[in-house]
């Protein structure tokens, strides 16, 4: 991608190749083109900086999470917790008959 200076050189080259009447007609369009290019170039630069910042934050989070998993471990703890949750869920099961009477009303 050409930088803004290269684009300006190209626009000036186009202006030189045209006569005065044609140059005057497209002058505003060329200036608009350069202006829009500058805005897009600035926005692209901003997005690149933001992407680099997010990548750096992501790498830092991966390091921190890795250290945490090393400290606490995760395979056995997760299995134990899921087993406990399943057992407690089984104990709390309620049948429909316990909640709804013969008339279909909620007790």
N, C-alpha and C. Protein backbone atom coordinates (compact mmCIF):
# COMPACT_ATOMS: atom_id res chain seq x y z
N UNK A 1 0.85 -1.17 0.00
CA UNK A 1 0.00 0.00 0.00
C UNK A 1 0.90 1.23 0.00
N UNK A 2 0.55 2.17 -0.83
CA UNK A 2 1.33 3.40 -0.93
C UNK A 2 1.02 4.31 0.25
N UNK A 3 2.04 5.03 0.71
CA UNK A 3 1.78 5.98 1.79
C UNK A 3 1.22 7.27 1.20
N UNK A 4 0.87 8.19 2.04
CA UNK A 4 0.20 9.43 1.59
C UNK A 4 1.08 10.26 0.69
N UNK A 5 2.38 10.28 0.94
CA UNK A 5 3.29 11.07 0.10
C UNK A 5 3.35 10.51 -1.32
N UNK A 6 3.38 9.20 -1.43
CA UNK A 6 3.40 8.58 -2.76
C UNK A 6 2.11 8.87 -3.52
N UNK A 7 0.98 8.87 -2.79
CA UNK A 7 -0.30 9.19 -3.43
C UNK A 7 -0.32 10.63 -3.91
N UNK A 8 0.21 11.55 -3.12
CA UNK A 8 0.25 12.95 -3.52
C UNK A 8 1.11 13.15 -4.76
N UNK A 9 2.23 12.43 -4.83
CA UNK A 9 3.09 12.50 -6.01
C UNK A 9 2.33 12.01 -7.24
N UNK A 10 1.59 10.93 -7.08
CA UNK A 10 0.80 10.38 -8.17
C UNK A 10 -0.28 11.36 -8.62
N UNK A 11 -0.95 12.00 -7.67
CA UNK A 11 -1.99 12.98 -7.99
C UNK A 11 -1.38 14.17 -8.73
N UNK A 12 -0.24 14.65 -8.25
CA UNK A 12 0.43 15.76 -8.93
C UNK A 12 0.84 15.37 -10.35
N UNK A 13 1.28 14.14 -10.53
CA UNK A 13 1.65 13.66 -11.86
C UNK A 13 0.43 13.66 -12.79
N UNK A 14 -0.70 13.26 -12.27
CA UNK A 14 -1.94 13.27 -13.07
C UNK A 14 -2.31 14.70 -13.44
N UNK A 15 -2.20 15.62 -12.49
CA UNK A 15 -2.54 17.03 -12.76
C UNK A 15 -1.65 17.61 -13.85
N UNK A 16 -0.36 17.28 -13.82
CA UNK A 16 0.57 17.81 -14.81
C UNK A 16 0.26 17.31 -16.22
N UNK A 17 -0.28 16.13 -16.34
CA UNK A 17 -0.56 15.55 -17.65
C UNK A 17 -1.83 16.09 -18.28
N UNK A 18 -2.63 16.77 -17.48
CA UNK A 18 -3.89 17.34 -17.99
C UNK A 18 -3.69 18.81 -18.32
N UNK A 19 -4.52 19.31 -19.23
CA UNK A 19 -4.47 20.74 -19.49
C UNK A 19 -5.21 21.46 -18.36
N UNK A 20 -5.19 22.79 -18.39
CA UNK A 20 -5.73 23.58 -17.28
C UNK A 20 -7.23 23.38 -17.07
N UNK A 21 -7.99 23.29 -18.12
CA UNK A 21 -9.45 23.15 -17.97
C UNK A 21 -9.81 21.78 -17.38
N UNK A 22 -9.17 20.74 -17.85
CA UNK A 22 -9.44 19.41 -17.30
C UNK A 22 -8.90 19.30 -15.87
N UNK A 23 -7.76 19.89 -15.61
CA UNK A 23 -7.17 19.88 -14.27
C UNK A 23 -8.07 20.55 -13.26
N UNK A 24 -8.69 21.65 -13.67
CA UNK A 24 -9.60 22.36 -12.77
C UNK A 24 -10.85 21.53 -12.48
N UNK A 25 -11.30 20.78 -13.47
CA UNK A 25 -12.51 19.98 -13.29
C UNK A 25 -12.30 18.82 -12.31
N UNK A 26 -11.15 18.21 -12.39
CA UNK A 26 -10.94 17.04 -11.51
C UNK A 26 -10.13 17.36 -10.26
N UNK A 27 -9.74 18.60 -10.09
CA UNK A 27 -8.92 18.98 -8.94
C UNK A 27 -9.62 18.65 -7.62
N UNK A 28 -10.89 19.00 -7.51
CA UNK A 28 -11.62 18.72 -6.26
C UNK A 28 -11.73 17.22 -6.02
N UNK A 29 -11.96 16.47 -7.07
CA UNK A 29 -12.06 15.02 -6.93
C UNK A 29 -10.74 14.42 -6.45
N UNK A 30 -9.65 14.92 -6.99
CA UNK A 30 -8.34 14.42 -6.58
C UNK A 30 -8.05 14.78 -5.13
N UNK A 31 -8.41 16.00 -4.74
CA UNK A 31 -8.21 16.41 -3.34
C UNK A 31 -9.08 15.56 -2.41
N UNK A 32 -10.28 15.26 -2.83
CA UNK A 32 -11.17 14.41 -2.04
C UNK A 32 -10.57 13.00 -1.91
N UNK A 33 -10.02 12.52 -2.99
CA UNK A 33 -9.37 11.21 -2.99
C UNK A 33 -8.21 11.17 -2.00
N UNK A 34 -7.38 12.20 -2.03
CA UNK A 34 -6.24 12.27 -1.11
C UNK A 34 -6.73 12.35 0.34
N UNK A 35 -7.75 13.15 0.56
CA UNK A 35 -8.30 13.31 1.91
C UNK A 35 -8.87 11.99 2.43
N UNK A 36 -9.65 11.31 1.61
CA UNK A 36 -10.22 10.03 2.02
C UNK A 36 -9.14 8.99 2.27
N UNK A 37 -8.12 9.00 1.44
CA UNK A 37 -7.02 8.07 1.61
C UNK A 37 -6.32 8.33 2.95
N UNK A 38 -6.13 9.59 3.29
CA UNK A 38 -5.48 9.94 4.54
C UNK A 38 -6.31 9.45 5.74
N UNK A 39 -7.62 9.63 5.66
CA UNK A 39 -8.50 9.18 6.75
C UNK A 39 -8.42 7.66 6.89
N UNK A 40 -8.48 6.95 5.78
CA UNK A 40 -8.39 5.49 5.81
C UNK A 40 -7.03 5.02 6.32
N UNK A 41 -5.99 5.68 5.90
CA UNK A 41 -4.64 5.32 6.33
C UNK A 41 -4.49 5.52 7.85
N UNK A 42 -5.03 6.64 8.36
CA UNK A 42 -4.99 6.89 9.80
C UNK A 42 -5.79 5.84 10.57
N UNK A 43 -6.97 5.49 10.04
CA UNK A 43 -7.81 4.49 10.68
C UNK A 43 -7.12 3.12 10.68
N UNK A 44 -6.48 2.77 9.57
CA UNK A 44 -5.76 1.51 9.48
C UNK A 44 -4.63 1.47 10.51
N UNK A 45 -3.92 2.55 10.64
CA UNK A 45 -2.83 2.63 11.62
C UNK A 45 -3.38 2.44 13.04
N UNK A 46 -4.51 3.09 13.31
CA UNK A 46 -5.14 2.97 14.63
C UNK A 46 -5.56 1.53 14.90
N UNK A 47 -6.15 0.88 13.91
CA UNK A 47 -6.59 -0.50 14.07
C UNK A 47 -5.39 -1.43 14.28
N UNK A 48 -4.32 -1.20 13.55
CA UNK A 48 -3.11 -2.02 13.73
C UNK A 48 -2.58 -1.89 15.15
N UNK A 49 -2.56 -0.67 15.68
CA UNK A 49 -2.08 -0.45 17.04
C UNK A 49 -2.98 -1.16 18.05
N UNK A 50 -4.29 -1.10 17.82
CA UNK A 50 -5.23 -1.76 18.73
C UNK A 50 -5.06 -3.28 18.68
N UNK A 51 -4.85 -3.83 17.49
CA UNK A 51 -4.64 -5.27 17.36
C UNK A 51 -3.38 -5.69 18.10
N UNK A 52 -2.32 -4.93 17.95
CA UNK A 52 -1.08 -5.25 18.66
C UNK A 52 -1.29 -5.20 20.18
N UNK A 53 -2.05 -4.22 20.64
CA UNK A 53 -2.33 -4.08 22.07
C UNK A 53 -3.13 -5.29 22.56
N UNK A 54 -4.14 -5.71 21.80
CA UNK A 54 -4.96 -6.85 22.19
C UNK A 54 -4.12 -8.13 22.18
N UNK A 55 -3.25 -8.28 21.20
CA UNK A 55 -2.38 -9.46 21.16
C UNK A 55 -1.48 -9.51 22.39
N UNK A 56 -0.93 -8.36 22.78
CA UNK A 56 -0.06 -8.31 23.95
C UNK A 56 -0.84 -8.66 25.22
N UNK A 57 -2.07 -8.13 25.33
CA UNK A 57 -2.90 -8.44 26.49
C UNK A 57 -3.25 -9.92 26.52
N UNK A 58 -3.55 -10.49 25.35
CA UNK A 58 -3.89 -11.90 25.26
C UNK A 58 -2.70 -12.77 25.69
N UNK A 59 -1.52 -12.43 25.24
CA UNK A 59 -0.33 -13.19 25.63
C UNK A 59 -0.12 -13.13 27.15
N UNK A 60 -0.33 -11.94 27.71
CA UNK A 60 -0.17 -11.79 29.15
C UNK A 60 -1.20 -12.63 29.91
N UNK A 61 -2.45 -12.62 29.43
CA UNK A 61 -3.49 -13.42 30.08
C UNK A 61 -3.18 -14.91 29.98
N UNK A 62 -2.67 -15.35 28.84
CA UNK A 62 -2.31 -16.75 28.70
C UNK A 62 -1.22 -17.14 29.70
N UNK A 63 -0.24 -16.26 29.89
CA UNK A 63 0.82 -16.53 30.85
C UNK A 63 0.26 -16.61 32.27
N UNK A 64 -0.60 -15.65 32.61
CA UNK A 64 -1.17 -15.61 33.96
C UNK A 64 -2.04 -16.84 34.20
N UNK A 65 -2.88 -17.20 33.21
CA UNK A 65 -3.72 -18.39 33.35
C UNK A 65 -2.88 -19.65 33.48
N UNK A 66 -1.81 -19.72 32.72
CA UNK A 66 -0.92 -20.88 32.81
C UNK A 66 -0.32 -21.01 34.19
N UNK A 67 0.10 -19.88 34.77
CA UNK A 67 0.66 -19.91 36.12
C UNK A 67 -0.40 -20.35 37.14
N UNK A 68 -1.64 -19.85 36.96
CA UNK A 68 -2.71 -20.22 37.89
C UNK A 68 -3.01 -21.72 37.81
N UNK A 69 -3.09 -22.25 36.61
CA UNK A 69 -3.36 -23.67 36.46
C UNK A 69 -2.23 -24.51 37.04
N UNK A 70 -1.00 -24.03 36.94
CA UNK A 70 0.12 -24.74 37.53
C UNK A 70 0.01 -24.75 39.05
N UNK A 71 -0.46 -23.65 39.61
CA UNK A 71 -0.58 -23.57 41.07
C UNK A 71 -1.72 -24.43 41.60
N UNK A 72 -2.87 -24.36 40.96
CA UNK A 72 -4.05 -25.02 41.54
C UNK A 72 -4.36 -26.36 40.91
N UNK A 73 -3.86 -26.63 39.74
CA UNK A 73 -4.22 -27.87 39.05
C UNK A 73 -5.66 -27.77 38.60
N UNK A 74 -6.05 -28.56 37.61
CA UNK A 74 -7.42 -28.40 37.15
C UNK A 74 -8.12 -29.69 36.76
N UNK A 75 -7.45 -30.72 36.39
CA UNK A 75 -8.14 -31.94 35.97
C UNK A 75 -8.92 -32.58 37.11
N UNK A 76 -8.24 -32.89 38.19
CA UNK A 76 -8.88 -33.58 39.30
C UNK A 76 -9.92 -32.70 39.97
N UNK A 77 -9.62 -31.42 40.14
CA UNK A 77 -10.55 -30.51 40.80
C UNK A 77 -11.85 -30.38 40.01
N UNK A 78 -11.75 -30.28 38.71
CA UNK A 78 -12.94 -30.13 37.89
C UNK A 78 -13.78 -31.40 37.94
N UNK A 79 -13.13 -32.56 37.88
CA UNK A 79 -13.87 -33.82 37.95
C UNK A 79 -14.59 -33.94 39.30
N UNK A 80 -13.91 -33.58 40.39
CA UNK A 80 -14.52 -33.66 41.72
C UNK A 80 -15.72 -32.73 41.82
N UNK A 81 -15.58 -31.51 41.36
CA UNK A 81 -16.67 -30.55 41.43
C UNK A 81 -17.86 -30.99 40.59
N UNK A 82 -17.62 -31.50 39.40
CA UNK A 82 -18.72 -31.92 38.55
C UNK A 82 -19.44 -33.12 39.15
N UNK A 83 -18.72 -34.02 39.78
CA UNK A 83 -19.34 -35.17 40.44
C UNK A 83 -20.22 -34.71 41.59
N UNK A 84 -19.75 -33.76 42.37
CA UNK A 84 -20.54 -33.22 43.49
C UNK A 84 -21.80 -32.54 42.99
N UNK A 85 -21.71 -31.78 41.91
CA UNK A 85 -22.87 -31.11 41.36
C UNK A 85 -23.91 -32.11 40.85
N UNK A 86 -23.46 -33.18 40.21
CA UNK A 86 -24.38 -34.20 39.72
C UNK A 86 -25.10 -34.89 40.87
N UNK A 87 -24.38 -35.19 41.94
CA UNK A 87 -24.98 -35.84 43.10
C UNK A 87 -26.01 -34.93 43.75
N UNK A 88 -25.70 -33.66 43.89
CA UNK A 88 -26.64 -32.74 44.54
C UNK A 88 -27.87 -32.51 43.65
N UNK A 89 -27.69 -32.55 42.34
CA UNK A 89 -28.82 -32.38 41.44
C UNK A 89 -29.74 -33.59 41.51
N UNK A 90 -29.18 -34.78 41.65
CA UNK A 90 -30.00 -36.00 41.76
C UNK A 90 -30.80 -35.99 43.05
N UNK A 91 -30.24 -35.50 44.11
CA UNK A 91 -30.92 -35.48 45.40
C UNK A 91 -32.10 -34.52 45.40
N UNK A 92 -32.07 -33.49 44.59
CA UNK A 92 -33.10 -32.46 44.62
C UNK A 92 -34.20 -32.67 43.57
N UNK A 93 -34.28 -33.83 42.95
CA UNK A 93 -35.29 -34.06 41.94
C UNK A 93 -36.68 -34.07 42.56
N UNK A 94 -37.63 -33.40 41.89
CA UNK A 94 -39.02 -33.31 42.35
C UNK A 94 -39.90 -33.86 41.25
N UNK A 95 -40.85 -34.69 41.60
CA UNK A 95 -41.74 -35.25 40.58
C UNK A 95 -42.89 -34.29 40.31
N UNK A 96 -43.56 -34.53 39.19
CA UNK A 96 -44.69 -33.68 38.80
C UNK A 96 -45.84 -33.83 39.80
N UNK A 97 -46.04 -35.04 40.31
CA UNK A 97 -47.12 -35.30 41.26
C UNK A 97 -46.95 -34.51 42.55
N UNK A 98 -45.72 -34.23 42.92
CA UNK A 98 -45.47 -33.46 44.14
C UNK A 98 -45.80 -31.99 43.96
N UNK A 99 -45.85 -31.50 42.74
CA UNK A 99 -46.05 -30.09 42.48
C UNK A 99 -47.47 -29.79 42.00
N UNK A 100 -48.10 -30.72 41.29
CA UNK A 100 -49.42 -30.48 40.70
C UNK A 100 -50.42 -31.47 41.29
N UNK A 101 -51.60 -30.95 41.71
CA UNK A 101 -52.62 -31.84 42.28
C UNK A 101 -53.49 -32.45 41.18
N UNK A 102 -54.55 -33.18 41.58
CA UNK A 102 -55.40 -33.88 40.62
C UNK A 102 -56.14 -32.93 39.68
N UNK A 103 -56.40 -31.71 40.12
CA UNK A 103 -57.13 -30.74 39.31
C UNK A 103 -56.21 -30.01 38.32
N UNK A 104 -54.93 -30.25 38.39
CA UNK A 104 -53.97 -29.59 37.51
C UNK A 104 -53.47 -28.26 38.05
N UNK A 105 -53.74 -28.01 39.32
CA UNK A 105 -53.30 -26.77 39.95
C UNK A 105 -51.94 -26.98 40.62
N UNK A 106 -51.18 -25.92 40.63
CA UNK A 106 -49.87 -25.98 41.29
C UNK A 106 -50.06 -25.86 42.78
N UNK A 107 -49.45 -26.74 43.50
CA UNK A 107 -49.62 -26.79 44.97
C UNK A 107 -48.74 -25.72 45.61
